[in-house]
PDBML (XML) file of the C-alpha atoms, coordinates in Angstrom:
<?xml version="1.0" encoding="UTF-8" ?>
<PDBx:datablock datablockName="MODEL"
   xmlns:PDBx="http://pdbml.pdb.org/schema/pdbx-v50.xsd"
   xmlns:xsi="http://www.w3.org/2001/XMLSchema-instance"
   xsi:schemaLocation="http://pdbml.pdb.org/schema/pdbx-v50.xsd pdbx-v50.xsd">
   <PDBx:atom_siteCategory>
      <PDBx:atom_site id="1">
         <PDBx:B_iso_or_equiv>0.00</PDBx:B_iso_or_equiv>
         <PDBx:Cartn_x>3.216</PDBx:Cartn_x>
         <PDBx:Cartn_y>-88.104</PDBx:Cartn_y>
         <PDBx:Cartn_z>242.565</PDBx:Cartn_z>
         <PDBx:auth_asym_id>A</PDBx:auth_asym_id>
         <PDBx:auth_atom_id>CA</PDBx:auth_atom_id>
         <PDBx:auth_comp_id>LYS</PDBx:auth_comp_id>
         <PDBx:auth_seq_id>1</PDBx:auth_seq_id>
         <PDBx:group_PDB>ATOM</PDBx:group_PDB>
         <PDBx:label_alt_id xsi:nil="true" />
         <PDBx:label_asym_id>A</PDBx:label_asym_id>
         <PDBx:label_atom_id>CA</PDBx:label_atom_id>
         <PDBx:label_comp_id>LYS</PDBx:label_comp_id>
         <PDBx:label_entity_id>1</PDBx:label_entity_id>
         <PDBx:label_seq_id>1</PDBx:label_seq_id>
         <PDBx:occupancy>1.00</PDBx:occupancy>
         <PDBx:pdbx_PDB_model_num>1</PDBx:pdbx_PDB_model_num>
         <PDBx:type_symbol>C</PDBx:type_symbol>
      </PDBx:atom_site>
      <PDBx:atom_site id="2">
         <PDBx:B_iso_or_equiv>0.00</PDBx:B_iso_or_equiv>
         <PDBx:Cartn_x>2.682</PDBx:Cartn_x>
         <PDBx:Cartn_y>-85.663</PDBx:Cartn_y>
         <PDBx:Cartn_z>245.406</PDBx:Cartn_z>
         <PDBx:auth_asym_id>A</PDBx:auth_asym_id>
         <PDBx:auth_atom_id>CA</PDBx:auth_atom_id>
         <PDBx:auth_comp_id>SER</PDBx:auth_comp_id>
         <PDBx:auth_seq_id>2</PDBx:auth_seq_id>
         <PDBx:group_PDB>ATOM</PDBx:group_PDB>
         <PDBx:label_alt_id xsi:nil="true" />
         <PDBx:label_asym_id>A</PDBx:label_asym_id>
         <PDBx:label_atom_id>CA</PDBx:label_atom_id>
         <PDBx:label_comp_id>SER</PDBx:label_comp_id>
         <PDBx:label_entity_id>1</PDBx:label_entity_id>
         <PDBx:label_seq_id>2</PDBx:label_seq_id>
         <PDBx:occupancy>1.00</PDBx:occupancy>
         <PDBx:pdbx_PDB_model_num>1</PDBx:pdbx_PDB_model_num>
         <PDBx:type_symbol>C</PDBx:type_symbol>
      </PDBx:atom_site>
      <PDBx:atom_site id="3">
         <PDBx:B_iso_or_equiv>0.00</PDBx:B_iso_or_equiv>
         <PDBx:Cartn_x>6.037</PDBx:Cartn_x>
         <PDBx:Cartn_y>-86.630</PDBx:Cartn_y>
         <PDBx:Cartn_z>246.885</PDBx:Cartn_z>
         <PDBx:auth_asym_id>A</PDBx:auth_asym_id>
         <PDBx:auth_atom_id>CA</PDBx:auth_atom_id>
         <PDBx:auth_comp_id>ALA</PDBx:auth_comp_id>
         <PDBx:auth_seq_id>3</PDBx:auth_seq_id>
         <PDBx:group_PDB>ATOM</PDBx:group_PDB>
         <PDBx:label_alt_id xsi:nil="true" />
         <PDBx:label_asym_id>A</PDBx:label_asym_id>
         <PDBx:label_atom_id>CA</PDBx:label_atom_id>
         <PDBx:label_comp_id>ALA</PDBx:label_comp_id>
         <PDBx:label_entity_id>1</PDBx:label_entity_id>
         <PDBx:label_seq_id>3</PDBx:label_seq_id>
         <PDBx:occupancy>1.00</PDBx:occupancy>
         <PDBx:pdbx_PDB_model_num>1</PDBx:pdbx_PDB_model_num>
         <PDBx:type_symbol>C</PDBx:type_symbol>
      </PDBx:atom_site>
      <PDBx:atom_site id="4">
         <PDBx:B_iso_or_equiv>0.00</PDBx:B_iso_or_equiv>
         <PDBx:Cartn_x>7.663</PDBx:Cartn_x>
         <PDBx:Cartn_y>-86.230</PDBx:Cartn_y>
         <PDBx:Cartn_z>243.473</PDBx:Cartn_z>
         <PDBx:auth_asym_id>A</PDBx:auth_asym_id>
         <PDBx:auth_atom_id>CA</PDBx:auth_atom_id>
         <PDBx:auth_comp_id>ASN</PDBx:auth_comp_id>
         <PDBx:auth_seq_id>4</PDBx:auth_seq_id>
         <PDBx:group_PDB>ATOM</PDBx:group_PDB>
         <PDBx:label_alt_id xsi:nil="true" />
         <PDBx:label_asym_id>A</PDBx:label_asym_id>
         <PDBx:label_atom_id>CA</PDBx:label_atom_id>
         <PDBx:label_comp_id>ASN</PDBx:label_comp_id>
         <PDBx:label_entity_id>1</PDBx:label_entity_id>
         <PDBx:label_seq_id>4</PDBx:label_seq_id>
         <PDBx:occupancy>1.00</PDBx:occupancy>
         <PDBx:pdbx_PDB_model_num>1</PDBx:pdbx_PDB_model_num>
         <PDBx:type_symbol>C</PDBx:type_symbol>
      </PDBx:atom_site>
      <PDBx:atom_site id="5">
         <PDBx:B_iso_or_equiv>0.00</PDBx:B_iso_or_equiv>
         <PDBx:Cartn_x>6.054</PDBx:Cartn_x>
         <PDBx:Cartn_y>-82.796</PDBx:Cartn_y>
         <PDBx:Cartn_z>243.087</PDBx:Cartn_z>
         <PDBx:auth_asym_id>A</PDBx:auth_asym_id>
         <PDBx:auth_atom_id>CA</PDBx:auth_atom_id>
         <PDBx:auth_comp_id>MET</PDBx:auth_comp_id>
         <PDBx:auth_seq_id>5</PDBx:auth_seq_id>
         <PDBx:group_PDB>ATOM</PDBx:group_PDB>
         <PDBx:label_alt_id xsi:nil="true" />
         <PDBx:label_asym_id>A</PDBx:label_asym_id>
         <PDBx:label_atom_id>CA</PDBx:label_atom_id>
         <PDBx:label_comp_id>MET</PDBx:label_comp_id>
         <PDBx:label_entity_id>1</PDBx:label_entity_id>
         <PDBx:label_seq_id>5</PDBx:label_seq_id>
         <PDBx:occupancy>1.00</PDBx:occupancy>
         <PDBx:pdbx_PDB_model_num>1</PDBx:pdbx_PDB_model_num>
         <PDBx:type_symbol>C</PDBx:type_symbol>
      </PDBx:atom_site>
      <PDBx:atom_site id="6">
         <PDBx:B_iso_or_equiv>0.00</PDBx:B_iso_or_equiv>
         <PDBx:Cartn_x>7.365</PDBx:Cartn_x>
         <PDBx:Cartn_y>-81.807</PDBx:Cartn_y>
         <PDBx:Cartn_z>246.523</PDBx:Cartn_z>
         <PDBx:auth_asym_id>A</PDBx:auth_asym_id>
         <PDBx:auth_atom_id>CA</PDBx:auth_atom_id>
         <PDBx:auth_comp_id>ASP</PDBx:auth_comp_id>
         <PDBx:auth_seq_id>6</PDBx:auth_seq_id>
         <PDBx:group_PDB>ATOM</PDBx:group_PDB>
         <PDBx:label_alt_id xsi:nil="true" />
         <PDBx:label_asym_id>A</PDBx:label_asym_id>
         <PDBx:label_atom_id>CA</PDBx:label_atom_id>
         <PDBx:label_comp_id>ASP</PDBx:label_comp_id>
         <PDBx:label_entity_id>1</PDBx:label_entity_id>
         <PDBx:label_seq_id>6</PDBx:label_seq_id>
         <PDBx:occupancy>1.00</PDBx:occupancy>
         <PDBx:pdbx_PDB_model_num>1</PDBx:pdbx_PDB_model_num>
         <PDBx:type_symbol>C</PDBx:type_symbol>
      </PDBx:atom_site>
      <PDBx:atom_site id="7">
         <PDBx:B_iso_or_equiv>0.00</PDBx:B_iso_or_equiv>
         <PDBx:Cartn_x>10.868</PDBx:Cartn_x>
         <PDBx:Cartn_y>-82.868</PDBx:Cartn_y>
         <PDBx:Cartn_z>245.495</PDBx:Cartn_z>
         <PDBx:auth_asym_id>A</PDBx:auth_asym_id>
         <PDBx:auth_atom_id>CA</PDBx:auth_atom_id>
         <PDBx:auth_comp_id>ILE</PDBx:auth_comp_id>
         <PDBx:auth_seq_id>7</PDBx:auth_seq_id>
         <PDBx:group_PDB>ATOM</PDBx:group_PDB>
         <PDBx:label_alt_id xsi:nil="true" />
         <PDBx:label_asym_id>A</PDBx:label_asym_id>
         <PDBx:label_atom_id>CA</PDBx:label_atom_id>
         <PDBx:label_comp_id>ILE</PDBx:label_comp_id>
         <PDBx:label_entity_id>1</PDBx:label_entity_id>
         <PDBx:label_seq_id>7</PDBx:label_seq_id>
         <PDBx:occupancy>1.00</PDBx:occupancy>
         <PDBx:pdbx_PDB_model_num>1</PDBx:pdbx_PDB_model_num>
         <PDBx:type_symbol>C</PDBx:type_symbol>
      </PDBx:atom_site>
      <PDBx:atom_site id="8">
         <PDBx:B_iso_or_equiv>0.00</PDBx:B_iso_or_equiv>
         <PDBx:Cartn_x>10.557</PDBx:Cartn_x>
         <PDBx:Cartn_y>-81.000</PDBx:Cartn_y>
         <PDBx:Cartn_z>242.194</PDBx:Cartn_z>
         <PDBx:auth_asym_id>A</PDBx:auth_asym_id>
         <PDBx:auth_atom_id>CA</PDBx:auth_atom_id>
         <PDBx:auth_comp_id>ALA</PDBx:auth_comp_id>
         <PDBx:auth_seq_id>8</PDBx:auth_seq_id>
         <PDBx:group_PDB>ATOM</PDBx:group_PDB>
         <PDBx:label_alt_id xsi:nil="true" />
         <PDBx:label_asym_id>A</PDBx:label_asym_id>
         <PDBx:label_atom_id>CA</PDBx:label_atom_id>
         <PDBx:label_comp_id>ALA</PDBx:label_comp_id>
         <PDBx:label_entity_id>1</PDBx:label_entity_id>
         <PDBx:label_seq_id>8</PDBx:label_seq_id>
         <PDBx:occupancy>1.00</PDBx:occupancy>
         <PDBx:pdbx_PDB_model_num>1</PDBx:pdbx_PDB_model_num>
         <PDBx:type_symbol>C</PDBx:type_symbol>
      </PDBx:atom_site>
      <PDBx:atom_site id="9">
         <PDBx:B_iso_or_equiv>0.00</PDBx:B_iso_or_equiv>
         <PDBx:Cartn_x>9.301</PDBx:Cartn_x>
         <PDBx:Cartn_y>-77.925</PDBx:Cartn_y>
         <PDBx:Cartn_z>244.071</PDBx:Cartn_z>
         <PDBx:auth_asym_id>A</PDBx:auth_asym_id>
         <PDBx:auth_atom_id>CA</PDBx:auth_atom_id>
         <PDBx:auth_comp_id>GLY</PDBx:auth_comp_id>
         <PDBx:auth_seq_id>9</PDBx:auth_seq_id>
         <PDBx:group_PDB>ATOM</PDBx:group_PDB>
         <PDBx:label_alt_id xsi:nil="true" />
         <PDBx:label_asym_id>A</PDBx:label_asym_id>
         <PDBx:label_atom_id>CA</PDBx:label_atom_id>
         <PDBx:label_comp_id>GLY</PDBx:label_comp_id>
         <PDBx:label_entity_id>1</PDBx:label_entity_id>
         <PDBx:label_seq_id>9</PDBx:label_seq_id>
         <PDBx:occupancy>1.00</PDBx:occupancy>
         <PDBx:pdbx_PDB_model_num>1</PDBx:pdbx_PDB_model_num>
         <PDBx:type_symbol>C</PDBx:type_symbol>
      </PDBx:atom_site>
      <PDBx:atom_site id="10">
         <PDBx:B_iso_or_equiv>0.00</PDBx:B_iso_or_equiv>
         <PDBx:Cartn_x>12.279</PDBx:Cartn_x>
         <PDBx:Cartn_y>-78.055</PDBx:Cartn_y>
         <PDBx:Cartn_z>246.420</PDBx:Cartn_z>
         <PDBx:auth_asym_id>A</PDBx:auth_asym_id>
         <PDBx:auth_atom_id>CA</PDBx:auth_atom_id>
         <PDBx:auth_comp_id>GLU</PDBx:auth_comp_id>
         <PDBx:auth_seq_id>10</PDBx:auth_seq_id>
         <PDBx:group_PDB>ATOM</PDBx:group_PDB>
         <PDBx:label_alt_id xsi:nil="true" />
         <PDBx:label_asym_id>A</PDBx:label_asym_id>
         <PDBx:label_atom_id>CA</PDBx:label_atom_id>
         <PDBx:label_comp_id>GLU</PDBx:label_comp_id>
         <PDBx:label_entity_id>1</PDBx:label_entity_id>
         <PDBx:label_seq_id>10</PDBx:label_seq_id>
         <PDBx:occupancy>1.00</PDBx:occupancy>
         <PDBx:pdbx_PDB_model_num>1</PDBx:pdbx_PDB_model_num>
         <PDBx:type_symbol>C</PDBx:type_symbol>
      </PDBx:atom_site>
      <PDBx:atom_site id="11">
         <PDBx:B_iso_or_equiv>0.00</PDBx:B_iso_or_equiv>
         <PDBx:Cartn_x>14.642</PDBx:Cartn_x>
         <PDBx:Cartn_y>-78.363</PDBx:Cartn_y>
         <PDBx:Cartn_z>243.462</PDBx:Cartn_z>
         <PDBx:auth_asym_id>A</PDBx:auth_asym_id>
         <PDBx:auth_atom_id>CA</PDBx:auth_atom_id>
         <PDBx:auth_comp_id>LYS</PDBx:auth_comp_id>
         <PDBx:auth_seq_id>11</PDBx:auth_seq_id>
         <PDBx:group_PDB>ATOM</PDBx:group_PDB>
         <PDBx:label_alt_id xsi:nil="true" />
         <PDBx:label_asym_id>A</PDBx:label_asym_id>
         <PDBx:label_atom_id>CA</PDBx:label_atom_id>
         <PDBx:label_comp_id>LYS</PDBx:label_comp_id>
         <PDBx:label_entity_id>1</PDBx:label_entity_id>
         <PDBx:label_seq_id>11</PDBx:label_seq_id>
         <PDBx:occupancy>1.00</PDBx:occupancy>
         <PDBx:pdbx_PDB_model_num>1</PDBx:pdbx_PDB_model_num>
         <PDBx:type_symbol>C</PDBx:type_symbol>
      </PDBx:atom_site>
      <PDBx:atom_site id="12">
         <PDBx:B_iso_or_equiv>0.00</PDBx:B_iso_or_equiv>
         <PDBx:Cartn_x>12.982</PDBx:Cartn_x>
         <PDBx:Cartn_y>-75.407</PDBx:Cartn_y>
         <PDBx:Cartn_z>241.726</PDBx:Cartn_z>
         <PDBx:auth_asym_id>A</PDBx:auth_asym_id>
         <PDBx:auth_atom_id>CA</PDBx:auth_atom_id>
         <PDBx:auth_comp_id>ILE</PDBx:auth_comp_id>
         <PDBx:auth_seq_id>12</PDBx:auth_seq_id>
         <PDBx:group_PDB>ATOM</PDBx:group_PDB>
         <PDBx:label_alt_id xsi:nil="true" />
         <PDBx:label_asym_id>A</PDBx:label_asym_id>
         <PDBx:label_atom_id>CA</PDBx:label_atom_id>
         <PDBx:label_comp_id>ILE</PDBx:label_comp_id>
         <PDBx:label_entity_id>1</PDBx:label_entity_id>
         <PDBx:label_seq_id>12</PDBx:label_seq_id>
         <PDBx:occupancy>1.00</PDBx:occupancy>
         <PDBx:pdbx_PDB_model_num>1</PDBx:pdbx_PDB_model_num>
         <PDBx:type_symbol>C</PDBx:type_symbol>
      </PDBx:atom_site>
      <PDBx:atom_site id="13">
         <PDBx:B_iso_or_equiv>0.00</PDBx:B_iso_or_equiv>
         <PDBx:Cartn_x>13.217</PDBx:Cartn_x>
         <PDBx:Cartn_y>-73.333</PDBx:Cartn_y>
         <PDBx:Cartn_z>244.913</PDBx:Cartn_z>
         <PDBx:auth_asym_id>A</PDBx:auth_asym_id>
         <PDBx:auth_atom_id>CA</PDBx:auth_atom_id>
         <PDBx:auth_comp_id>ASN</PDBx:auth_comp_id>
         <PDBx:auth_seq_id>13</PDBx:auth_seq_id>
         <PDBx:group_PDB>ATOM</PDBx:group_PDB>
         <PDBx:label_alt_id xsi:nil="true" />
         <PDBx:label_asym_id>A</PDBx:label_asym_id>
         <PDBx:label_atom_id>CA</PDBx:label_atom_id>
         <PDBx:label_comp_id>ASN</PDBx:label_comp_id>
         <PDBx:label_entity_id>1</PDBx:label_entity_id>
         <PDBx:label_seq_id>13</PDBx:label_seq_id>
         <PDBx:occupancy>1.00</PDBx:occupancy>
         <PDBx:pdbx_PDB_model_num>1</PDBx:pdbx_PDB_model_num>
         <PDBx:type_symbol>C</PDBx:type_symbol>
      </PDBx:atom_site>
      <PDBx:atom_site id="14">
         <PDBx:B_iso_or_equiv>0.00</PDBx:B_iso_or_equiv>
         <PDBx:Cartn_x>16.904</PDBx:Cartn_x>
         <PDBx:Cartn_y>-74.246</PDBx:Cartn_y>
         <PDBx:Cartn_z>245.197</PDBx:Cartn_z>
         <PDBx:auth_asym_id>A</PDBx:auth_asym_id>
         <PDBx:auth_atom_id>CA</PDBx:auth_atom_id>
         <PDBx:auth_comp_id>GLY</PDBx:auth_comp_id>
         <PDBx:auth_seq_id>14</PDBx:auth_seq_id>
         <PDBx:group_PDB>ATOM</PDBx:group_PDB>
         <PDBx:label_alt_id xsi:nil="true" />
         <PDBx:label_asym_id>A</PDBx:label_asym_id>
         <PDBx:label_atom_id>CA</PDBx:label_atom_id>
         <PDBx:label_comp_id>GLY</PDBx:label_comp_id>
         <PDBx:label_entity_id>1</PDBx:label_entity_id>
         <PDBx:label_seq_id>14</PDBx:label_seq_id>
         <PDBx:occupancy>1.00</PDBx:occupancy>
         <PDBx:pdbx_PDB_model_num>1</PDBx:pdbx_PDB_model_num>
         <PDBx:type_symbol>C</PDBx:type_symbol>
      </PDBx:atom_site>
      <PDBx:atom_site id="15">
         <PDBx:B_iso_or_equiv>0.00</PDBx:B_iso_or_equiv>
         <PDBx:Cartn_x>17.509</PDBx:Cartn_x>
         <PDBx:Cartn_y>-73.268</PDBx:Cartn_y>
         <PDBx:Cartn_z>241.566</PDBx:Cartn_z>
         <PDBx:auth_asym_id>A</PDBx:auth_asym_id>
         <PDBx:auth_atom_id>CA</PDBx:auth_atom_id>
         <PDBx:auth_comp_id>MET</PDBx:auth_comp_id>
         <PDBx:auth_seq_id>15</PDBx:auth_seq_id>
         <PDBx:group_PDB>ATOM</PDBx:group_PDB>
         <PDBx:label_alt_id xsi:nil="true" />
         <PDBx:label_asym_id>A</PDBx:label_asym_id>
         <PDBx:label_atom_id>CA</PDBx:label_atom_id>
         <PDBx:label_comp_id>MET</PDBx:label_comp_id>
         <PDBx:label_entity_id>1</PDBx:label_entity_id>
         <PDBx:label_seq_id>15</PDBx:label_seq_id>
         <PDBx:occupancy>1.00</PDBx:occupancy>
         <PDBx:pdbx_PDB_model_num>1</PDBx:pdbx_PDB_model_num>
         <PDBx:type_symbol>C</PDBx:type_symbol>
      </PDBx:atom_site>
      <PDBx:atom_site id="16">
         <PDBx:B_iso_or_equiv>0.00</PDBx:B_iso_or_equiv>
         <PDBx:Cartn_x>15.638</PDBx:Cartn_x>
         <PDBx:Cartn_y>-70.006</PDBx:Cartn_y>
         <PDBx:Cartn_z>242.057</PDBx:Cartn_z>
         <PDBx:auth_asym_id>A</PDBx:auth_asym_id>
         <PDBx:auth_atom_id>CA</PDBx:auth_atom_id>
         <PDBx:auth_comp_id>MET</PDBx:auth_comp_id>
         <PDBx:auth_seq_id>16</PDBx:auth_seq_id>
         <PDBx:group_PDB>ATOM</PDBx:group_PDB>
         <PDBx:label_alt_id xsi:nil="true" />
         <PDBx:label_asym_id>A</PDBx:label_asym_id>
         <PDBx:label_atom_id>CA</PDBx:label_atom_id>
         <PDBx:label_comp_id>MET</PDBx:label_comp_id>
         <PDBx:label_entity_id>1</PDBx:label_entity_id>
         <PDBx:label_seq_id>16</PDBx:label_seq_id>
         <PDBx:occupancy>1.00</PDBx:occupancy>
         <PDBx:pdbx_PDB_model_num>1</PDBx:pdbx_PDB_model_num>
         <PDBx:type_symbol>C</PDBx:type_symbol>
      </PDBx:atom_site>
      <PDBx:atom_site id="17">
         <PDBx:B_iso_or_equiv>0.00</PDBx:B_iso_or_equiv>
         <PDBx:Cartn_x>17.740</PDBx:Cartn_x>
         <PDBx:Cartn_y>-69.207</PDBx:Cartn_y>
         <PDBx:Cartn_z>245.126</PDBx:Cartn_z>
         <PDBx:auth_asym_id>A</PDBx:auth_asym_id>
         <PDBx:auth_atom_id>CA</PDBx:auth_atom_id>
         <PDBx:auth_comp_id>SER</PDBx:auth_comp_id>
         <PDBx:auth_seq_id>17</PDBx:auth_seq_id>
         <PDBx:group_PDB>ATOM</PDBx:group_PDB>
         <PDBx:label_alt_id xsi:nil="true" />
         <PDBx:label_asym_id>A</PDBx:label_asym_id>
         <PDBx:label_atom_id>CA</PDBx:label_atom_id>
         <PDBx:label_comp_id>SER</PDBx:label_comp_id>
         <PDBx:label_entity_id>1</PDBx:label_entity_id>
         <PDBx:label_seq_id>17</PDBx:label_seq_id>
         <PDBx:occupancy>1.00</PDBx:occupancy>
         <PDBx:pdbx_PDB_model_num>1</PDBx:pdbx_PDB_model_num>
         <PDBx:type_symbol>C</PDBx:type_symbol>
      </PDBx:atom_site>
      <PDBx:atom_site id="18">
         <PDBx:B_iso_or_equiv>0.00</PDBx:B_iso_or_equiv>
         <PDBx:Cartn_x>20.944</PDBx:Cartn_x>
         <PDBx:Cartn_y>-69.923</PDBx:Cartn_y>
         <PDBx:Cartn_z>243.228</PDBx:Cartn_z>
         <PDBx:auth_asym_id>A</PDBx:auth_asym_id>
         <PDBx:auth_atom_id>CA</PDBx:auth_atom_id>
         <PDBx:auth_comp_id>ARG</PDBx:auth_comp_id>
         <PDBx:auth_seq_id>18</PDBx:auth_seq_id>
         <PDBx:group_PDB>ATOM</PDBx:group_PDB>
         <PDBx:label_alt_id xsi:nil="true" />
         <PDBx:label_asym_id>A</PDBx:label_asym_id>
         <PDBx:label_atom_id>CA</PDBx:label_atom_id>
         <PDBx:label_comp_id>ARG</PDBx:label_comp_id>
         <PDBx:label_entity_id>1</PDBx:label_entity_id>
         <PDBx:label_seq_id>18</PDBx:label_seq_id>
         <PDBx:occupancy>1.00</PDBx:occupancy>
         <PDBx:pdbx_PDB_model_num>1</PDBx:pdbx_PDB_model_num>
         <PDBx:type_symbol>C</PDBx:type_symbol>
      </PDBx:atom_site>
      <PDBx:atom_site id="19">
         <PDBx:B_iso_or_equiv>0.00</PDBx:B_iso_or_equiv>
         <PDBx:Cartn_x>19.725</PDBx:Cartn_x>
         <PDBx:Cartn_y>-67.867</PDBx:Cartn_y>
         <PDBx:Cartn_z>240.268</PDBx:Cartn_z>
         <PDBx:auth_asym_id>A</PDBx:auth_asym_id>
         <PDBx:auth_atom_id>CA</PDBx:auth_atom_id>
         <PDBx:auth_comp_id>LEU</PDBx:auth_comp_id>
         <PDBx:auth_seq_id>19</PDBx:auth_seq_id>
         <PDBx:group_PDB>ATOM</PDBx:group_PDB>
         <PDBx:label_alt_id xsi:nil="true" />
         <PDBx:label_asym_id>A</PDBx:label_asym_id>
         <PDBx:label_atom_id>CA</PDBx:label_atom_id>
         <PDBx:label_comp_id>LEU</PDBx:label_comp_id>
         <PDBx:label_entity_id>1</PDBx:label_entity_id>
         <PDBx:label_seq_id>19</PDBx:label_seq_id>
         <PDBx:occupancy>1.00</PDBx:occupancy>
         <PDBx:pdbx_PDB_model_num>1</PDBx:pdbx_PDB_model_num>
         <PDBx:type_symbol>C</PDBx:type_symbol>
      </PDBx:atom_site>
      <PDBx:atom_site id="20">
         <PDBx:B_iso_or_equiv>0.00</PDBx:B_iso_or_equiv>
         <PDBx:Cartn_x>18.837</PDBx:Cartn_x>
         <PDBx:Cartn_y>-64.943</PDBx:Cartn_y>
         <PDBx:Cartn_z>242.542</PDBx:Cartn_z>
         <PDBx:auth_asym_id>A</PDBx:auth_asym_id>
         <PDBx:auth_atom_id>CA</PDBx:auth_atom_id>
         <PDBx:auth_comp_id>GLU</PDBx:auth_comp_id>
         <PDBx:auth_seq_id>20</PDBx:auth_seq_id>
         <PDBx:group_PDB>ATOM</PDBx:group_PDB>
         <PDBx:label_alt_id xsi:nil="true" />
         <PDBx:label_asym_id>A</PDBx:label_asym_id>
         <PDBx:label_atom_id>CA</PDBx:label_atom_id>
         <PDBx:label_comp_id>GLU</PDBx:label_comp_id>
         <PDBx:label_entity_id>1</PDBx:label_entity_id>
         <PDBx:label_seq_id>20</PDBx:label_seq_id>
         <PDBx:occupancy>1.00</PDBx:occupancy>
         <PDBx:pdbx_PDB_model_num>1</PDBx:pdbx_PDB_model_num>
         <PDBx:type_symbol>C</PDBx:type_symbol>
      </PDBx:atom_site>
      <PDBx:atom_site id="21">
         <PDBx:B_iso_or_equiv>0.00</PDBx:B_iso_or_equiv>
         <PDBx:Cartn_x>22.255</PDBx:Cartn_x>
         <PDBx:Cartn_y>-65.178</PDBx:Cartn_y>
         <PDBx:Cartn_z>244.165</PDBx:Cartn_z>
         <PDBx:auth_asym_id>A</PDBx:auth_asym_id>
         <PDBx:auth_atom_id>CA</PDBx:auth_atom_id>
         <PDBx:auth_comp_id>GLU</PDBx:auth_comp_id>
         <PDBx:auth_seq_id>21</PDBx:auth_seq_id>
         <PDBx:group_PDB>ATOM</PDBx:group_PDB>
         <PDBx:label_alt_id xsi:nil="true" />
         <PDBx:label_asym_id>A</PDBx:label_asym_id>
         <PDBx:label_atom_id>CA</PDBx:label_atom_id>
         <PDBx:label_comp_id>GLU</PDBx:label_comp_id>
         <PDBx:label_entity_id>1</PDBx:label_entity_id>
         <PDBx:label_seq_id>21</PDBx:label_seq_id>
         <PDBx:occupancy>1.00</PDBx:occupancy>
         <PDBx:pdbx_PDB_model_num>1</PDBx:pdbx_PDB_model_num>
         <PDBx:type_symbol>C</PDBx:type_symbol>
      </PDBx:atom_site>
      <PDBx:atom_site id="22">
         <PDBx:B_iso_or_equiv>0.00</PDBx:B_iso_or_equiv>
         <PDBx:Cartn_x>23.936</PDBx:Cartn_x>
         <PDBx:Cartn_y>-65.289</PDBx:Cartn_y>
         <PDBx:Cartn_z>240.758</PDBx:Cartn_z>
         <PDBx:auth_asym_id>A</PDBx:auth_asym_id>
         <PDBx:auth_atom_id>CA</PDBx:auth_atom_id>
         <PDBx:auth_comp_id>ALA</PDBx:auth_comp_id>
         <PDBx:auth_seq_id>22</PDBx:auth_seq_id>
         <PDBx:group_PDB>ATOM</PDBx:group_PDB>
         <PDBx:label_alt_id xsi:nil="true" />
         <PDBx:label_asym_id>A</PDBx:label_asym_id>
         <PDBx:label_atom_id>CA</PDBx:label_atom_id>
         <PDBx:label_comp_id>ALA</PDBx:label_comp_id>
         <PDBx:label_entity_id>1</PDBx:label_entity_id>
         <PDBx:label_seq_id>22</PDBx:label_seq_id>
         <PDBx:occupancy>1.00</PDBx:occupancy>
         <PDBx:pdbx_PDB_model_num>1</PDBx:pdbx_PDB_model_num>
         <PDBx:type_symbol>C</PDBx:type_symbol>
      </PDBx:atom_site>
      <PDBx:atom_site id="23">
         <PDBx:B_iso_or_equiv>0.00</PDBx:B_iso_or_equiv>
         <PDBx:Cartn_x>22.002</PDBx:Cartn_x>
         <PDBx:Cartn_y>-62.255</PDBx:Cartn_y>
         <PDBx:Cartn_z>239.560</PDBx:Cartn_z>
         <PDBx:auth_asym_id>A</PDBx:auth_asym_id>
         <PDBx:auth_atom_id>CA</PDBx:auth_atom_id>
         <PDBx:auth_comp_id>LEU</PDBx:auth_comp_id>
         <PDBx:auth_seq_id>23</PDBx:auth_seq_id>
         <PDBx:group_PDB>ATOM</PDBx:group_PDB>
         <PDBx:label_alt_id xsi:nil="true" />
         <PDBx:label_asym_id>A</PDBx:label_asym_id>
         <PDBx:label_atom_id>CA</PDBx:label_atom_id>
         <PDBx:label_comp_id>LEU</PDBx:label_comp_id>
         <PDBx:label_entity_id>1</PDBx:label_entity_id>
         <PDBx:label_seq_id>23</PDBx:label_seq_id>
         <PDBx:occupancy>1.00</PDBx:occupancy>
         <PDBx:pdbx_PDB_model_num>1</PDBx:pdbx_PDB_model_num>
         <PDBx:type_symbol>C</PDBx:type_symbol>
      </PDBx:atom_site>
      <PDBx:atom_site id="24">
         <PDBx:B_iso_or_equiv>0.00</PDBx:B_iso_or_equiv>
         <PDBx:Cartn_x>22.619</PDBx:Cartn_x>
         <PDBx:Cartn_y>-60.263</PDBx:Cartn_y>
         <PDBx:Cartn_z>242.719</PDBx:Cartn_z>
         <PDBx:auth_asym_id>A</PDBx:auth_asym_id>
         <PDBx:auth_atom_id>CA</PDBx:auth_atom_id>
         <PDBx:auth_comp_id>ALA</PDBx:auth_comp_id>
         <PDBx:auth_seq_id>24</PDBx:auth_seq_id>
         <PDBx:group_PDB>ATOM</PDBx:group_PDB>
         <PDBx:label_alt_id xsi:nil="true" />
         <PDBx:label_asym_id>A</PDBx:label_asym_id>
         <PDBx:label_atom_id>CA</PDBx:label_atom_id>
         <PDBx:label_comp_id>ALA</PDBx:label_comp_id>
         <PDBx:label_entity_id>1</PDBx:label_entity_id>
         <PDBx:label_seq_id>24</PDBx:label_seq_id>
         <PDBx:occupancy>1.00</PDBx:occupancy>
         <PDBx:pdbx_PDB_model_num>1</PDBx:pdbx_PDB_model_num>
         <PDBx:type_symbol>C</PDBx:type_symbol>
      </PDBx:atom_site>
   </PDBx:atom_siteCategory>
</PDBx:datablock>
């Protein structure tokens, strides 16, 4: 579950980065 949470966290960070880039 910890590994899955790390993967989910990485995906969320990637989405956030793409969202920030799209909004910029």
